[in-house]
Amino acid sequence: PVIKGTRLSVQYILGLLASGAGFEEILSEYSTINHEDIQACLLFASASLDTSTFIPLTLNSM
């Protein structure tokens, strides 16, 4: 998914945040988005995790 009206993907914005970029830094670099767009990326990620099922895997040595 991308931020509406842009080519910026949710994954890209989340990656910037995970790399330590703050909201203001992202907003100064990408003038086509606003604070609410970044919040929406975080909410999307949160909702995605709510609907995912995680199954722990173990590695068996051969």
PDB file of N, CA and C in Angstrom:
ATOM      1  N   PRO A   1       0.826  -1.208   0.000  1.00  0.00           N
ATOM      2  CA  PRO A   1       0.000   0.000   0.000  1.00  0.00           C
ATOM      3  C   PRO A   1       0.868   1.269   0.000  1.00  0.00           C
ATOM      4  N   VAL A   2       0.326   2.315  -0.569  1.00  0.00           N
ATOM      5  CA  VAL A   2       1.017   3.602  -0.630  1.00  0.00           C
ATOM      6  C   VAL A   2       0.158   4.681   0.018  1.00  0.00           C
ATOM      7  N   ILE A   3       0.808   5.779   0.376  1.00  0.00           N
ATOM      8  CA  ILE A   3       0.073   6.927   0.902  1.00  0.00           C
ATOM      9  C   ILE A   3      -0.686   7.550  -0.263  1.00  0.00           C
ATOM     10  N   LYS A   4      -1.971   7.767  -0.069  1.00  0.00           N
ATOM     11  CA  LYS A   4      -2.849   8.262  -1.129  1.00  0.00           C
ATOM     12  C   LYS A   4      -2.268   9.518  -1.790  1.00  0.00           C
ATOM     13  N   GLY A   5      -2.254   9.487  -3.117  1.00  0.00           N
ATOM     14  CA  GLY A   5      -1.776  10.625  -3.884  1.00  0.00           C
ATOM     15  C   GLY A   5      -0.263  10.716  -4.000  1.00  0.00           C
ATOM     16  N   THR A   6       0.433   9.687  -3.511  1.00  0.00           N
ATOM     17  CA  THR A   6       1.899   9.679  -3.589  1.00  0.00           C
ATOM     18  C   THR A   6       2.368   8.325  -4.097  1.00  0.00           C
ATOM     19  N   ARG A   7       3.663   8.210  -4.248  1.00  0.00           N
ATOM     20  CA  ARG A   7       4.263   6.918  -4.583  1.00  0.00           C
ATOM     21  C   ARG A   7       5.021   6.363  -3.380  1.00  0.00           C
ATOM     22  N   LEU A   8       4.807   6.963  -2.217  1.00  0.00           N
ATOM     23  CA  LEU A   8       5.501   6.537  -1.002  1.00  0.00           C
ATOM     24  C   LEU A   8       4.760   5.365  -0.371  1.00  0.00           C
ATOM     25  N   SER A   9       5.464   4.260  -0.230  1.00  0.00           N
ATOM     26  CA  SER A   9       4.821   3.079   0.354  1.00  0.00           C
ATOM     27  C   SER A   9       4.834   3.146   1.874  1.00  0.00           C
ATOM     28  N   VAL A  10       3.880   2.475   2.459  1.00  0.00           N
ATOM     29  CA  VAL A  10       3.823   2.349   3.913  1.00  0.00           C
ATOM     30  C   VAL A  10       5.117   1.707   4.403  1.00  0.00           C
ATOM     31  N   GLN A  11       5.573   0.693   3.714  1.00  0.00           N
ATOM     32  CA  GLN A  11       6.806  -0.001   4.094  1.00  0.00           C
ATOM     33  C   GLN A  11       7.992   0.962   4.116  1.00  0.00           C
ATOM     34  N   TYR A  12       8.075   1.848   3.144  1.00  0.00           N
ATOM     35  CA  TYR A  12       9.181   2.799   3.078  1.00  0.00           C
ATOM     36  C   TYR A  12       9.154   3.755   4.274  1.00  0.00           C
ATOM     37  N   ILE A  13       7.972   4.291   4.578  1.00  0.00           N
ATOM     38  CA  ILE A  13       7.840   5.219   5.709  1.00  0.00           C
ATOM     39  C   ILE A  13       8.165   4.510   7.018  1.00  0.00           C
ATOM     40  N   LEU A  14       7.681   3.282   7.181  1.00  0.00           N
ATOM     41  CA  LEU A  14       7.999   2.522   8.392  1.00  0.00           C
ATOM     42  C   LEU A  14       9.498   2.265   8.493  1.00  0.00           C
ATOM     43  N   GLY A  15      10.134   2.012   7.367  1.00  0.00           N
ATOM     44  CA  GLY A  15      11.581   1.818   7.354  1.00  0.00           C
ATOM     45  C   GLY A  15      12.329   3.068   7.794  1.00  0.00           C
ATOM     46  N   LEU A  16      11.867   4.226   7.338  1.00  0.00           N
ATOM     47  CA  LEU A  16      12.482   5.480   7.769  1.00  0.00           C
ATOM     48  C   LEU A  16      12.356   5.655   9.277  1.00  0.00           C
ATOM     49  N   LEU A  17      11.161   5.386   9.792  1.00  0.00           N
ATOM     50  CA  LEU A  17      10.942   5.504  11.237  1.00  0.00           C
ATOM     51  C   LEU A  17      11.818   4.518  12.007  1.00  0.00           C
ATOM     52  N   ALA A  18      11.899   3.296  11.520  1.00  0.00           N
ATOM     53  CA  ALA A  18      12.706   2.267  12.181  1.00  0.00           C
ATOM     54  C   ALA A  18      14.191   2.614  12.152  1.00  0.00           C
ATOM     55  N   SER A  19      14.604   3.371  11.146  1.00  0.00           N
ATOM     56  CA  SER A  19      16.008   3.772  11.029  1.00  0.00           C
ATOM     57  C   SER A  19      16.339   4.993  11.880  1.00  0.00           C
ATOM     58  N   GLY A  20      15.328   5.509  12.562  1.00  0.00           N
ATOM     59  CA  GLY A  20      15.573   6.625  13.469  1.00  0.00           C
ATOM     60  C   GLY A  20      15.094   7.979  12.993  1.00  0.00           C
ATOM     61  N   ALA A  21      14.537   8.047  11.800  1.00  0.00           N
ATOM     62  CA  ALA A  21      14.013   9.324  11.313  1.00  0.00           C
ATOM     63  C   ALA A  21      12.774   9.699  12.119  1.00  0.00           C
ATOM     64  N   GLY A  22      12.661  10.953  12.459  1.00  0.00           N
ATOM     65  CA  GLY A  22      11.486  11.439  13.168  1.00  0.00           C
ATOM     66  C   GLY A  22      10.440  11.966  12.199  1.00  0.00           C
ATOM     67  N   PHE A  23       9.252  12.212  12.730  1.00  0.00           N
ATOM     68  CA  PHE A  23       8.172  12.728  11.893  1.00  0.00           C
ATOM     69  C   PHE A  23       8.608  13.997  11.166  1.00  0.00           C
ATOM     70  N   GLU A  24       9.214  14.936  11.902  1.00  0.00           N
ATOM     71  CA  GLU A  24       9.583  16.220  11.302  1.00  0.00           C
ATOM     72  C   GLU A  24      10.616  16.055  10.199  1.00  0.00           C
ATOM     73  N   GLU A  25      11.560  15.143  10.399  1.00  0.00           N
ATOM     74  CA  GLU A  25      12.574  14.884   9.374  1.00  0.00           C
ATOM     75  C   GLU A  25      11.929  14.337   8.099  1.00  0.00           C
ATOM     76  N   ILE A  26      11.003  13.403   8.265  1.00  0.00           N
ATOM     77  CA  ILE A  26      10.308  12.821   7.111  1.00  0.00           C
ATOM     78  C   ILE A  26       9.461  13.882   6.414  1.00  0.00           C
ATOM     79  N   LEU A  27       8.746  14.681   7.198  1.00  0.00           N
ATOM     80  CA  LEU A  27       7.888  15.712   6.616  1.00  0.00           C
ATOM     81  C   LEU A  27       8.694  16.765   5.862  1.00  0.00           C
ATOM     82  N   SER A  28       9.890  17.091   6.354  1.00  0.00           N
ATOM     83  CA  SER A  28      10.706  18.090   5.656  1.00  0.00           C
ATOM     84  C   SER A  28      11.261  17.539   4.343  1.00  0.00           C
ATOM     85  N   GLU A  29      11.452  16.235   4.288  1.00  0.00           N
ATOM     86  CA  GLU A  29      11.987  15.598   3.078  1.00  0.00           C
ATOM     87  C   GLU A  29      10.893  15.330   2.037  1.00  0.00           C
ATOM     88  N   TYR A  30       9.676  15.060   2.506  1.00  0.00           N
ATOM     89  CA  TYR A  30       8.566  14.694   1.613  1.00  0.00           C
ATOM     90  C   TYR A  30       7.391  15.637   1.867  1.00  0.00           C
ATOM     91  N   SER A  31       7.345  16.718   1.112  1.00  0.00           N
ATOM     92  CA  SER A  31       6.345  17.764   1.341  1.00  0.00           C
ATOM     93  C   SER A  31       4.934  17.359   0.922  1.00  0.00           C
ATOM     94  N   THR A  32       4.801  16.220   0.245  1.00  0.00           N
ATOM     95  CA  THR A  32       3.477  15.796  -0.225  1.00  0.00           C
ATOM     96  C   THR A  32       2.689  15.044   0.840  1.00  0.00           C
ATOM     97  N   ILE A  33       3.319  14.762   1.992  1.00  0.00           N
ATOM     98  CA  ILE A  33       2.602  14.049   3.055  1.00  0.00           C
ATOM     99  C   ILE A  33       2.523  14.928   4.297  1.00  0.00           C
ATOM    100  N   ASN A  34       1.655  14.524   5.215  1.00  0.00           N
ATOM    101  CA  ASN A  34       1.511  15.272   6.462  1.00  0.00           C
ATOM    102  C   ASN A  34       1.602  14.324   7.663  1.00  0.00           C
ATOM    103  N   HIS A  35       1.512  14.897   8.833  1.00  0.00           N
ATOM    104  CA  HIS A  35       1.631  14.147  10.086  1.00  0.00           C
ATOM    105  C   HIS A  35       0.633  12.991  10.137  1.00  0.00           C
ATOM    106  N   GLU A  36      -0.591  13.247   9.699  1.00  0.00           N
ATOM    107  CA  GLU A  36      -1.635  12.220   9.727  1.00  0.00           C
ATOM    108  C   GLU A  36      -1.306  11.053   8.802  1.00  0.00           C
ATOM    109  N   ASP A  37      -0.626  11.321   7.706  1.00  0.00           N
ATOM    110  CA  ASP A  37      -0.226  10.245   6.793  1.00  0.00           C
ATOM    111  C   ASP A  37       0.754   9.290   7.475  1.00  0.00           C
ATOM    112  N   ILE A  38       1.694   9.848   8.224  1.00  0.00           N
ATOM    113  CA  ILE A  38       2.662   9.002   8.928  1.00  0.00           C
ATOM    114  C   ILE A  38       1.954   8.209  10.024  1.00  0.00           C
ATOM    115  N   GLN A  39       1.042   8.859  10.735  1.00  0.00           N
ATOM    116  CA  GLN A  39       0.246   8.157  11.753  1.00  0.00           C
ATOM    117  C   GLN A  39      -0.534   7.011  11.122  1.00  0.00           C
ATOM    118  N   ALA A  40      -1.083   7.250   9.940  1.00  0.00           N
ATOM    119  CA  ALA A  40      -1.851   6.214   9.249  1.00  0.00           C
ATOM    120  C   ALA A  40      -0.968   5.020   8.901  1.00  0.00           C
ATOM    121  N   CYS A  41       0.288   5.270   8.557  1.00  0.00           N
ATOM    122  CA  CYS A  41       1.223   4.164   8.284  1.00  0.00           C
ATOM    123  C   CYS A  41       1.411   3.306   9.528  1.00  0.00           C
ATOM    124  N   LEU A  42       1.568   3.954  10.672  1.00  0.00           N
ATOM    125  CA  LEU A  42       1.729   3.217  11.928  1.00  0.00           C
ATOM    126  C   LEU A  42       0.463   2.438  12.278  1.00  0.00           C
ATOM    127  N   LEU A  43      -0.681   3.053  12.075  1.00  0.00           N
ATOM    128  CA  LEU A  43      -1.945   2.367  12.352  1.00  0.00           C
ATOM    129  C   LEU A  43      -2.150   1.183  11.418  1.00  0.00           C
ATOM    130  N   PHE A  44      -1.766   1.337  10.149  1.00  0.00           N
ATOM    131  CA  PHE A  44      -1.866   0.240   9.194  1.00  0.00           C
ATOM    132  C   PHE A  44      -1.009  -0.934   9.646  1.00  0.00           C
ATOM    133  N   ALA A  45       0.223  -0.645  10.055  1.00  0.00           N
ATOM    134  CA  ALA A  45       1.127  -1.704  10.518  1.00  0.00           C
ATOM    135  C   ALA A  45       0.557  -2.397  11.751  1.00  0.00           C
ATOM    136  N   SER A  46       0.020  -1.625  12.666  1.00  0.00           N
ATOM    137  CA  SER A  46      -0.574  -2.190  13.874  1.00  0.00           C
ATOM    138  C   SER A  46      -1.755  -3.091  13.535  1.00  0.00           C
ATOM    139  N   ALA A  47      -2.625  -2.624  12.657  1.00  0.00           N
ATOM    140  CA  ALA A  47      -3.791  -3.420  12.262  1.00  0.00           C
ATOM    141  C   ALA A  47      -3.365  -4.683  11.525  1.00  0.00           C
ATOM    142  N   SER A  48      -2.317  -4.586  10.731  1.00  0.00           N
ATOM    143  CA  SER A  48      -1.822  -5.759  10.001  1.00  0.00           C
ATOM    144  C   SER A  48      -1.343  -6.834  10.956  1.00  0.00           C
ATOM    145  N   LEU A  49      -0.687  -6.430  12.026  1.00  0.00           N
ATOM    146  CA  LEU A  49      -0.208  -7.397  13.014  1.00  0.00           C
ATOM    147  C   LEU A  49      -1.358  -8.031  13.784  1.00  0.00           C
ATOM    148  N   ASP A  50      -2.428  -7.271  13.988  1.00  0.00           N
ATOM    149  CA  ASP A  50      -3.593  -7.808  14.697  1.00  0.00           C
ATOM    150  C   ASP A  50      -4.249  -8.948  13.939  1.00  0.00           C
ATOM    151  N   THR A  51      -4.154  -8.919  12.620  1.00  0.00           N
ATOM    152  CA  THR A  51      -4.837  -9.931  11.817  1.00  0.00           C
ATOM    153  C   THR A  51      -3.900 -11.035  11.343  1.00  0.00           C
ATOM    154  N   SER A  52      -2.664 -11.005  11.805  1.00  0.00           N
ATOM    155  CA  SER A  52      -1.689 -12.024  11.408  1.00  0.00           C
ATOM    156  C   SER A  52      -1.580 -13.105  12.469  1.00  0.00           C
ATOM    157  N   THR A  53      -1.302 -14.296  12.020  1.00  0.00           N
ATOM    158  CA  THR A  53      -1.053 -15.405  12.931  1.00  0.00           C
ATOM    159  C   THR A  53       0.420 -15.761  12.839  1.00  0.00           C
ATOM    160  N   PHE A  54       1.071 -15.788  13.978  1.00  0.00           N
ATOM    161  CA  PHE A  54       2.482 -16.130  14.014  1.00  0.00           C
ATOM    162  C   PHE A  54       2.647 -17.521  14.585  1.00  0.00           C
ATOM    163  N   ILE A  55       3.416 -18.316  13.888  1.00  0.00           N
ATOM    164  CA  ILE A  55       3.688 -19.683  14.324  1.00  0.00           C
ATOM    165  C   ILE A  55       5.187 -19.786  14.570  1.00  0.00           C
ATOM    166  N   PRO A  56       5.592 -20.019  15.821  1.00  0.00           N
ATOM    167  CA  PRO A  56       7.026 -20.118  16.092  1.00  0.00           C
ATOM    168  C   PRO A  56       7.624 -21.351  15.422  1.00  0.00           C
ATOM    169  N   LEU A  57       8.775 -21.167  14.845  1.00  0.00           N
ATOM    170  CA  LEU A  57       9.468 -22.263  14.184  1.00  0.00           C
ATOM    171  C   LEU A  57      10.747 -22.572  14.949  1.00  0.00           C
ATOM    172  N   THR A  58      11.101 -23.839  14.977  1.00  0.00           N
ATOM    173  CA  THR A  58      12.369 -24.226  15.582  1.00  0.00           C
ATOM    174  C   THR A  58      13.213 -24.909  14.525  1.00  0.00           C
ATOM    175  N   LEU A  59      14.507 -24.697  14.617  1.00  0.00           N
ATOM    176  CA  LEU A  59      15.423 -25.331  13.679  1.00  0.00           C
ATOM    177  C   LEU A  59      15.888 -26.650  14.271  1.00  0.00           C
ATOM    178  N   ASN A  60      15.760 -27.689  13.497  1.00  0.00           N
ATOM    179  CA  ASN A  60      16.237 -29.007  13.928  1.00  0.00           C
ATOM    180  C   ASN A  60      17.609 -29.241  13.336  1.00  0.00           C
ATOM    181  N   SER A  61      18.573 -29.601  14.181  1.00  0.00           N
ATOM    182  CA  SER A  61      19.902 -29.901  13.647  1.00  0.00           C
ATOM    183  C   SER A  61      19.884 -31.280  13.014  1.00  0.00           C
ATOM    184  N   MET A  62      20.627 -31.408  11.948  1.00  0.00           N
ATOM    185  CA  MET A  62      20.641 -32.678  11.216  1.00  0.00           C
ATOM    186  C   MET A  62      21.746 -33.556  11.689  1.00  0.00           C
TER     187      MET A  62
END
